[in-house]
PDB file of N, CA and C in Angstrom:
ATOM      1  N   MET A   1      91.974   6.814-112.273  1.00  0.00           N
ATOM      2  CA  MET A   1      92.296   7.083-113.805  1.00  0.00           C
ATOM      3  C   MET A   1      91.125   7.679-114.447  1.00  0.00           C
ATOM      4  N   SER A   2      91.344   8.712-115.183  1.00  0.00           N
ATOM      5  CA  SER A   2      90.061   9.368-115.792  1.00  0.00           C
ATOM      6  C   SER A   2      89.806   8.709-117.251  1.00  0.00           C
ATOM      7  N   ASP A   3      88.815   8.998-117.645  1.00  0.00           N
ATOM      8  CA  ASP A   3      88.367   8.442-119.005  1.00  0.00           C
ATOM      9  C   ASP A   3      88.816   9.433-120.079  1.00  0.00           C
ATOM     10  N   LEU A   4      89.271   8.910-121.180  1.00  0.00           N
ATOM     11  CA  LEU A   4      89.720   9.732-122.403  1.00  0.00           C
ATOM     12  C   LEU A   4      88.576  10.246-123.026  1.00  0.00           C
ATOM     13  N   LYS A   5      88.480  11.436-123.474  1.00  0.00           N
ATOM     14  CA  LYS A   5      87.355  12.158-124.261  1.00  0.00           C
ATOM     15  C   LYS A   5      87.794  12.094-125.703  1.00  0.00           C
ATOM     16  N   ALA A   6      86.896  11.963-126.582  1.00  0.00           N
ATOM     17  CA  ALA A   6      87.113  12.096-128.051  1.00  0.00           C
ATOM     18  C   ALA A   6      86.643  13.601-128.218  1.00  0.00           C
ATOM     19  N   ILE A   7      87.428  14.528-128.772  1.00  0.00           N
ATOM     20  CA  ILE A   7      87.285  15.876-128.996  1.00  0.00           C
ATOM     21  C   ILE A   7      87.486  16.087-130.568  1.00  0.00           C
ATOM     22  N   SER A   8      87.078  17.288-130.943  1.00  0.00           N
ATOM     23  CA  SER A   8      87.164  17.656-132.378  1.00  0.00           C
ATOM     24  C   SER A   8      86.951  19.208-132.379  1.00  0.00           C
ATOM     25  N   THR A   9      87.850  19.830-133.347  1.00  0.00           N
ATOM     26  CA  THR A   9      87.552  21.245-133.524  1.00  0.00           C
ATOM     27  C   THR A   9      86.716  21.430-134.693  1.00  0.00           C
ATOM     28  N   ILE A  10      85.836  22.361-134.423  1.00  0.00           N
ATOM     29  CA  ILE A  10      84.859  22.777-135.526  1.00  0.00           C
ATOM     30  C   ILE A  10      84.782  24.422-135.638  1.00  0.00           C
ATOM     31  N   ASN A  11      84.292  24.757-136.834  1.00  0.00           N
ATOM     32  CA  ASN A  11      84.239  26.309-136.938  1.00  0.00           C
ATOM     33  C   ASN A  11      82.748  26.732-136.462  1.00  0.00           C
ATOM     34  N   TYR A  12      82.424  27.889-136.537  1.00  0.00           N
ATOM     35  CA  TYR A  12      81.176  28.394-135.913  1.00  0.00           C
ATOM     36  C   TYR A  12      80.001  27.936-136.733  1.00  0.00           C
ATOM     37  N   ASN A  13      80.269  27.409-138.023  1.00  0.00           N
ATOM     38  CA  ASN A  13      79.214  26.911-138.924  1.00  0.00           C
ATOM     39  C   ASN A  13      79.027  25.282-138.501  1.00  0.00           C
ATOM     40  N   GLU A  14      79.641  24.695-137.353  1.00  0.00           N
ATOM     41  CA  GLU A  14      79.693  23.383-137.104  1.00  0.00           C
ATOM     42  C   GLU A  14      80.138  22.432-138.142  1.00  0.00           C
ATOM     43  N   SER A  15      81.010  22.915-138.972  1.00  0.00           N
ATOM     44  CA  SER A  15      81.732  22.131-139.919  1.00  0.00           C
ATOM     45  C   SER A  15      83.303  21.984-139.771  1.00  0.00           C
ATOM     46  N   ARG A  16      84.124  21.051-140.428  1.00  0.00           N
ATOM     47  CA  ARG A  16      85.609  21.072-140.266  1.00  0.00           C
ATOM     48  C   ARG A  16      86.245  22.330-140.464  1.00  0.00           C
ATOM     49  N   ILE A  17      87.279  22.491-139.716  1.00  0.00           N
ATOM     50  CA  ILE A  17      88.066  23.818-139.951  1.00  0.00           C
ATOM     51  C   ILE A  17      88.911  23.698-141.066  1.00  0.00           C
ATOM     52  N   SER A  18      89.272  24.878-141.667  1.00  0.00           N
ATOM     53  CA  SER A  18      90.247  24.990-142.799  1.00  0.00           C
ATOM     54  C   SER A  18      91.678  25.003-142.393  1.00  0.00           C
ATOM     55  N   LEU A  19      92.481  24.712-143.196  1.00  0.00           N
ATOM     56  CA  LEU A  19      93.964  24.817-142.927  1.00  0.00           C
ATOM     57  C   LEU A  19      94.260  26.126-142.431  1.00  0.00           C
ATOM     58  N   GLY A  20      93.742  27.185-142.947  1.00  0.00           N
ATOM     59  CA  GLY A  20      94.058  28.622-142.343  1.00  0.00           C
ATOM     60  C   GLY A  20      93.537  28.847-140.812  1.00  0.00           C
ATOM     61  N   GLN A  21      92.474  28.174-140.595  1.00  0.00           N
ATOM     62  CA  GLN A  21      92.040  28.116-139.297  1.00  0.00           C
ATOM     63  C   GLN A  21      92.824  27.568-138.288  1.00  0.00           C
ATOM     64  N   SER A  22      93.166  26.375-138.790  1.00  0.00           N
ATOM     65  CA  SER A  22      94.253  25.438-137.977  1.00  0.00           C
ATOM     66  C   SER A  22      95.504  26.295-137.583  1.00  0.00           C
ATOM     67  N   VAL A  23      96.126  27.021-138.719  1.00  0.00           N
ATOM     68  CA  VAL A  23      97.357  27.597-138.481  1.00  0.00           C
ATOM     69  C   VAL A  23      97.175  28.764-137.610  1.00  0.00           C
ATOM     70  N   LYS A  24      96.011  29.552-137.570  1.00  0.00           N
ATOM     71  CA  LYS A  24      95.753  30.640-136.772  1.00  0.00           C
ATOM     72  C   LYS A  24      95.747  30.053-135.412  1.00  0.00           C
ATOM     73  N   ARG A  25      95.032  29.003-135.011  1.00  0.00           N
ATOM     74  CA  ARG A  25      94.970  28.353-133.782  1.00  0.00           C
ATOM     75  C   ARG A  25      96.263  28.198-133.213  1.00  0.00           C
ATOM     76  N   HIS A  26      97.297  27.651-134.079  1.00  0.00           N
ATOM     77  CA  HIS A  26      98.576  27.333-133.493  1.00  0.00           C
ATOM     78  C   HIS A  26      99.655  28.489-133.489  1.00  0.00           C
ATOM     79  N   LEU A  27      99.332  29.409-134.212  1.00  0.00           N
ATOM     80  CA  LEU A  27     100.284  30.589-134.140  1.00  0.00           C
ATOM     81  C   LEU A  27     100.197  31.309-132.929  1.00  0.00           C
ATOM     82  N   VAL A  28      99.013  31.237-132.180  1.00  0.00           N
ATOM     83  CA  VAL A  28      98.697  31.988-131.070  1.00  0.00           C
ATOM     84  C   VAL A  28      98.971  31.138-129.830  1.00  0.00           C
ATOM     85  N   ALA A  29      99.572  29.841-129.886  1.00  0.00           N
ATOM     86  CA  ALA A  29      99.705  29.146-128.875  1.00  0.00           C
ATOM     87  C   ALA A  29     100.735  29.674-127.902  1.00  0.00           C
ATOM     88  N   ILE A  30     101.755  30.297-128.382  1.00  0.00           N
ATOM     89  CA  ILE A  30     102.821  30.945-127.461  1.00  0.00           C
ATOM     90  C   ILE A  30     102.307  32.028-126.434  1.00  0.00           C
ATOM     91  N   ILE A  31     101.251  32.709-126.956  1.00  0.00           N
ATOM     92  CA  ILE A  31     100.494  33.693-126.153  1.00  0.00           C
ATOM     93  C   ILE A  31      99.725  33.023-125.064  1.00  0.00           C
ATOM     94  N   ASP A  32      98.968  32.066-125.529  1.00  0.00           N
ATOM     95  CA  ASP A  32      97.951  31.191-124.640  1.00  0.00           C
ATOM     96  C   ASP A  32      98.929  30.464-123.455  1.00  0.00           C
ATOM     97  N   ILE A  33     100.082  30.179-123.642  1.00  0.00           N
ATOM     98  CA  ILE A  33     100.869  29.509-122.585  1.00  0.00           C
ATOM     99  C   ILE A  33     101.779  30.475-121.922  1.00  0.00           C
ATOM    100  N   TRP A  34     101.988  31.698-122.281  1.00  0.00           N
ATOM    101  CA  TRP A  34     102.767  32.731-121.524  1.00  0.00           C
ATOM    102  C   TRP A  34     102.278  32.831-120.323  1.00  0.00           C
ATOM    103  N   LEU A  35     103.180  33.115-119.338  1.00  0.00           N
ATOM    104  CA  LEU A  35     103.052  33.097-117.973  1.00  0.00           C
ATOM    105  C   LEU A  35     102.380  31.982-117.254  1.00  0.00           C
ATOM    106  N   PHE A  36     102.940  30.704-117.866  1.00  0.00           N
ATOM    107  CA  PHE A  36     102.462  29.452-117.433  1.00  0.00           C
ATOM    108  C   PHE A  36     101.002  29.122-117.815  1.00  0.00           C
ATOM    109  N   GLY A  37     100.692  29.592-118.775  1.00  0.00           N
ATOM    110  CA  GLY A  37      99.224  29.085-119.238  1.00  0.00           C
ATOM    111  C   GLY A  37      98.031  30.187-118.610  1.00  0.00           C
ATOM    112  N   LEU A  38      98.462  31.264-117.987  1.00  0.00           N
ATOM    113  CA  LEU A  38      97.642  32.164-117.213  1.00  0.00           C
ATOM    114  C   LEU A  38      96.500  32.847-118.304  1.00  0.00           C
ATOM    115  N   ILE A  39      97.087  33.344-119.329  1.00  0.00           N
ATOM    116  CA  ILE A  39      96.185  33.997-120.388  1.00  0.00           C
ATOM    117  C   ILE A  39      95.288  32.951-120.918  1.00  0.00           C
ATOM    118  N   GLY A  40      95.748  31.709-121.278  1.00  0.00           N
ATOM    119  CA  GLY A  40      94.852  30.814-121.796  1.00  0.00           C
ATOM    120  C   GLY A  40      93.853  30.419-120.821  1.00  0.00           C
ATOM    121  N   ILE A  41      94.081  30.207-119.485  1.00  0.00           N
ATOM    122  CA  ILE A  41      93.412  29.740-118.462  1.00  0.00           C
ATOM    123  C   ILE A  41      92.143  30.888-118.378  1.00  0.00           C
ATOM    124  N   LEU A  42      92.603  32.129-118.179  1.00  0.00           N
ATOM    125  CA  LEU A  42      91.652  33.325-118.084  1.00  0.00           C
ATOM    126  C   LEU A  42      90.697  33.331-119.081  1.00  0.00           C
ATOM    127  N   LEU A  43      91.238  33.246-120.403  1.00  0.00           N
ATOM    128  CA  LEU A  43      90.487  33.216-121.619  1.00  0.00           C
ATOM    129  C   LEU A  43      89.277  32.128-121.645  1.00  0.00           C
ATOM    130  N   ILE A  44      89.940  30.842-121.301  1.00  0.00           N
ATOM    131  CA  ILE A  44      89.013  29.632-121.392  1.00  0.00           C
ATOM    132  C   ILE A  44      87.875  29.767-120.385  1.00  0.00           C
ATOM    133  N   LYS A  45      88.150  30.265-119.062  1.00  0.00           N
ATOM    134  CA  LYS A  45      87.087  30.440-117.978  1.00  0.00           C
ATOM    135  C   LYS A  45      86.236  31.572-118.216  1.00  0.00           C
ATOM    136  N   ASN A  46      86.567  32.601-119.273  1.00  0.00           N
ATOM    137  CA  ASN A  46      85.793  33.873-119.353  1.00  0.00           C
ATOM    138  C   ASN A  46      85.127  34.016-120.700  1.00  0.00           C
ATOM    139  N   THR A  47      85.194  32.860-121.553  1.00  0.00           N
ATOM    140  CA  THR A  47      84.517  32.917-122.847  1.00  0.00           C
ATOM    141  C   THR A  47      83.226  32.083-122.845  1.00  0.00           C
ATOM    142  N   LYS A  48      82.213  32.457-123.553  1.00  0.00           N
ATOM    143  CA  LYS A  48      81.123  31.614-123.774  1.00  0.00           C
ATOM    144  C   LYS A  48      81.290  30.141-124.102  1.00  0.00           C
ATOM    145  N   PHE A  49      82.211  29.944-124.918  1.00  0.00           N
ATOM    146  CA  PHE A  49      82.483  28.528-125.390  1.00  0.00           C
ATOM    147  C   PHE A  49      83.794  27.966-125.156  1.00  0.00           C
ATOM    148  N   ASN A  50      84.237  28.726-123.853  1.00  0.00           N
ATOM    149  CA  ASN A  50      85.537  28.138-123.282  1.00  0.00           C
ATOM    150  C   ASN A  50      86.719  28.120-124.338  1.00  0.00           C
ATOM    151  N   GLN A  51      86.966  29.194-124.978  1.00  0.00           N
ATOM    152  CA  GLN A  51      87.861  29.269-126.008  1.00  0.00           C
ATOM    153  C   GLN A  51      89.290  29.794-125.702  1.00  0.00           C
ATOM    154  N   ARG A  52      90.329  29.223-126.210  1.00  0.00           N
ATOM    155  CA  ARG A  52      91.650  29.982-126.156  1.00  0.00           C
ATOM    156  C   ARG A  52      91.904  31.051-127.168  1.00  0.00           C
ATOM    157  N   LEU A  53      92.597  31.991-126.988  1.00  0.00           N
ATOM    158  CA  LEU A  53      92.914  33.045-127.810  1.00  0.00           C
ATOM    159  C   LEU A  53      92.942  32.673-129.411  1.00  0.00           C
ATOM    160  N   GLY A  54      93.608  31.507-129.549  1.00  0.00           N
ATOM    161  CA  GLY A  54      93.814  30.955-131.050  1.00  0.00           C
ATOM    162  C   GLY A  54      92.441  30.592-131.340  1.00  0.00           C
ATOM    163  N   ASP A  55      91.512  30.085-130.718  1.00  0.00           N
ATOM    164  CA  ASP A  55      90.248  29.729-131.085  1.00  0.00           C
ATOM    165  C   ASP A  55      89.384  30.811-131.508  1.00  0.00           C
ATOM    166  N   ILE A  56      89.463  32.044-130.631  1.00  0.00           N
ATOM    167  CA  ILE A  56      88.737  33.128-130.942  1.00  0.00           C
ATOM    168  C   ILE A  56      89.046  33.776-132.303  1.00  0.00           C
ATOM    169  N   TRP A  57      90.474  33.836-132.537  1.00  0.00           N
ATOM    170  CA  TRP A  57      90.788  34.430-133.601  1.00  0.00           C
ATOM    171  C   TRP A  57      90.631  33.754-134.829  1.00  0.00           C
ATOM    172  N   ALA A  58      90.564  32.331-134.777  1.00  0.00           N
ATOM    173  CA  ALA A  58      90.445  31.434-135.931  1.00  0.00           C
ATOM    174  C   ALA A  58      88.809  31.105-136.053  1.00  0.00           C
ATOM    175  N   LYS A  59      88.049  31.593-135.060  1.00  0.00           N
ATOM    176  CA  LYS A  59      86.614  31.337-135.091  1.00  0.00           C
ATOM    177  C   LYS A  59      86.216  29.741-135.078  1.00  0.00           C
ATOM    178  N   THR A  60      86.957  29.223-134.092  1.00  0.00           N
ATOM    179  CA  THR A  60      86.706  27.704-133.992  1.00  0.00           C
ATOM    180  C   THR A  60      86.425  27.338-132.516  1.00  0.00           C
ATOM    181  N   VAL A  61      85.744  26.175-132.318  1.00  0.00           N
ATOM    182  CA  VAL A  61      85.479  25.753-130.892  1.00  0.00           C
ATOM    183  C   VAL A  61      85.755  24.184-130.775  1.00  0.00           C
ATOM    184  N   VAL A  62      86.154  23.841-129.737  1.00  0.00           N
ATOM    185  CA  VAL A  62      86.629  22.439-129.351  1.00  0.00           C
ATOM    186  C   VAL A  62      85.498  21.827-128.770  1.00  0.00           C
ATOM    187  N   ILE A  63      84.980  20.598-129.323  1.00  0.00           N
ATOM    188  CA  ILE A  63      83.768  20.050-128.771  1.00  0.00           C
ATOM    189  C   ILE A  63      84.103  18.628-128.228  1.00  0.00           C
ATOM    190  N   ASP A  64      83.357  18.165-127.566  1.00  0.00           N
ATOM    191  CA  ASP A  64      83.392  16.731-126.897  1.00  0.00           C
ATOM    192  C   ASP A  64      82.448  15.800-127.969  1.00  0.00           C
ATOM    193  N   THR A  65      83.099  15.042-128.924  1.00  0.00           N
ATOM    194  CA  THR A  65      82.398  14.369-129.845  1.00  0.00           C
ATOM    195  C   THR A  65      81.725  13.084-129.319  1.00  0.00           C
ATOM    196  N   THR A  66      81.738  12.789-128.172  1.00  0.00           N
ATOM    197  CA  THR A  66      81.082  11.695-127.575  1.00  0.00           C
ATOM    198  C   THR A  66      79.729  11.937-127.205  1.00  0.00           C
ATOM    199  N   ASP A  67      79.439  13.249-127.049  1.00  0.00           N
ATOM    200  CA  ASP A  67      78.181  13.803-126.931  1.00  0.00           C
ATOM    201  C   ASP A  67      77.534  14.231-128.356  1.00  0.00           C
ATOM    202  N   LYS A  68      76.798  13.353-129.067  1.00  0.00           N
ATOM    203  CA  LYS A  68      76.487  13.513-130.368  1.00  0.00           C
ATOM    204  C   LYS A  68      75.531  14.694-130.523  1.00  0.00           C
ATOM    205  N   GLU A  69      74.827  15.168-129.567  1.00  0.00           N
ATOM    206  CA  GLU A  69      73.989  16.304-129.664  1.00  0.00           C
ATOM    207  C   GLU A  69      74.500  17.637-129.290  1.00  0.00           C
ATOM    208  N   GLN A  70      75.790  17.691-128.925  1.00  0.00           N
ATOM    209  CA  GLN A  70      76.540  19.004-128.353  1.00  0.00           C
ATOM    210  C   GLN A  70      76.319  19.946-129.320  1.00  0.00           C
ATOM    211  N   GLY A  71      77.347  20.007-130.301  1.00  0.00           N
ATOM    212  CA  GLY A  71      77.316  21.314-131.257  1.00  0.00           C
ATOM    213  C   GLY A  71      77.563  22.518-130.609  1.00  0.00           C
ATOM    214  N   ILE A  72      77.392  23.690-131.218  1.00  0.00           N
ATOM    215  CA  ILE A  72      77.546  24.991-130.516  1.00  0.00           C
ATOM    216  C   ILE A  72      76.273  25.516-130.007  1.00  0.00           C
ATOM    217  N   LYS A  73      76.159  25.831-128.770  1.00  0.00           N
ATOM    218  CA  LYS A  73      74.798  26.231-128.329  1.00  0.00           C
ATOM    219  C   LYS A  73      74.936  27.629-127.663  1.00  0.00           C
TER     220      LYS A  73
END
């Protein structure tokens, strides 16, 4: 059994995301999961911060909050 991770979504300024950014992330979800998630997987594997299309459009990043020093590097 794997350990659960604490994650958080932040913007490029490393602060909380706005409502507009949250809406953008979720509006693009249908594209991310199209073709059984292939588009999302390809983007996550090939972007600097492992972002989905919605994250790129909304200028957000999902981080592991258990690593206090992580942030955007």
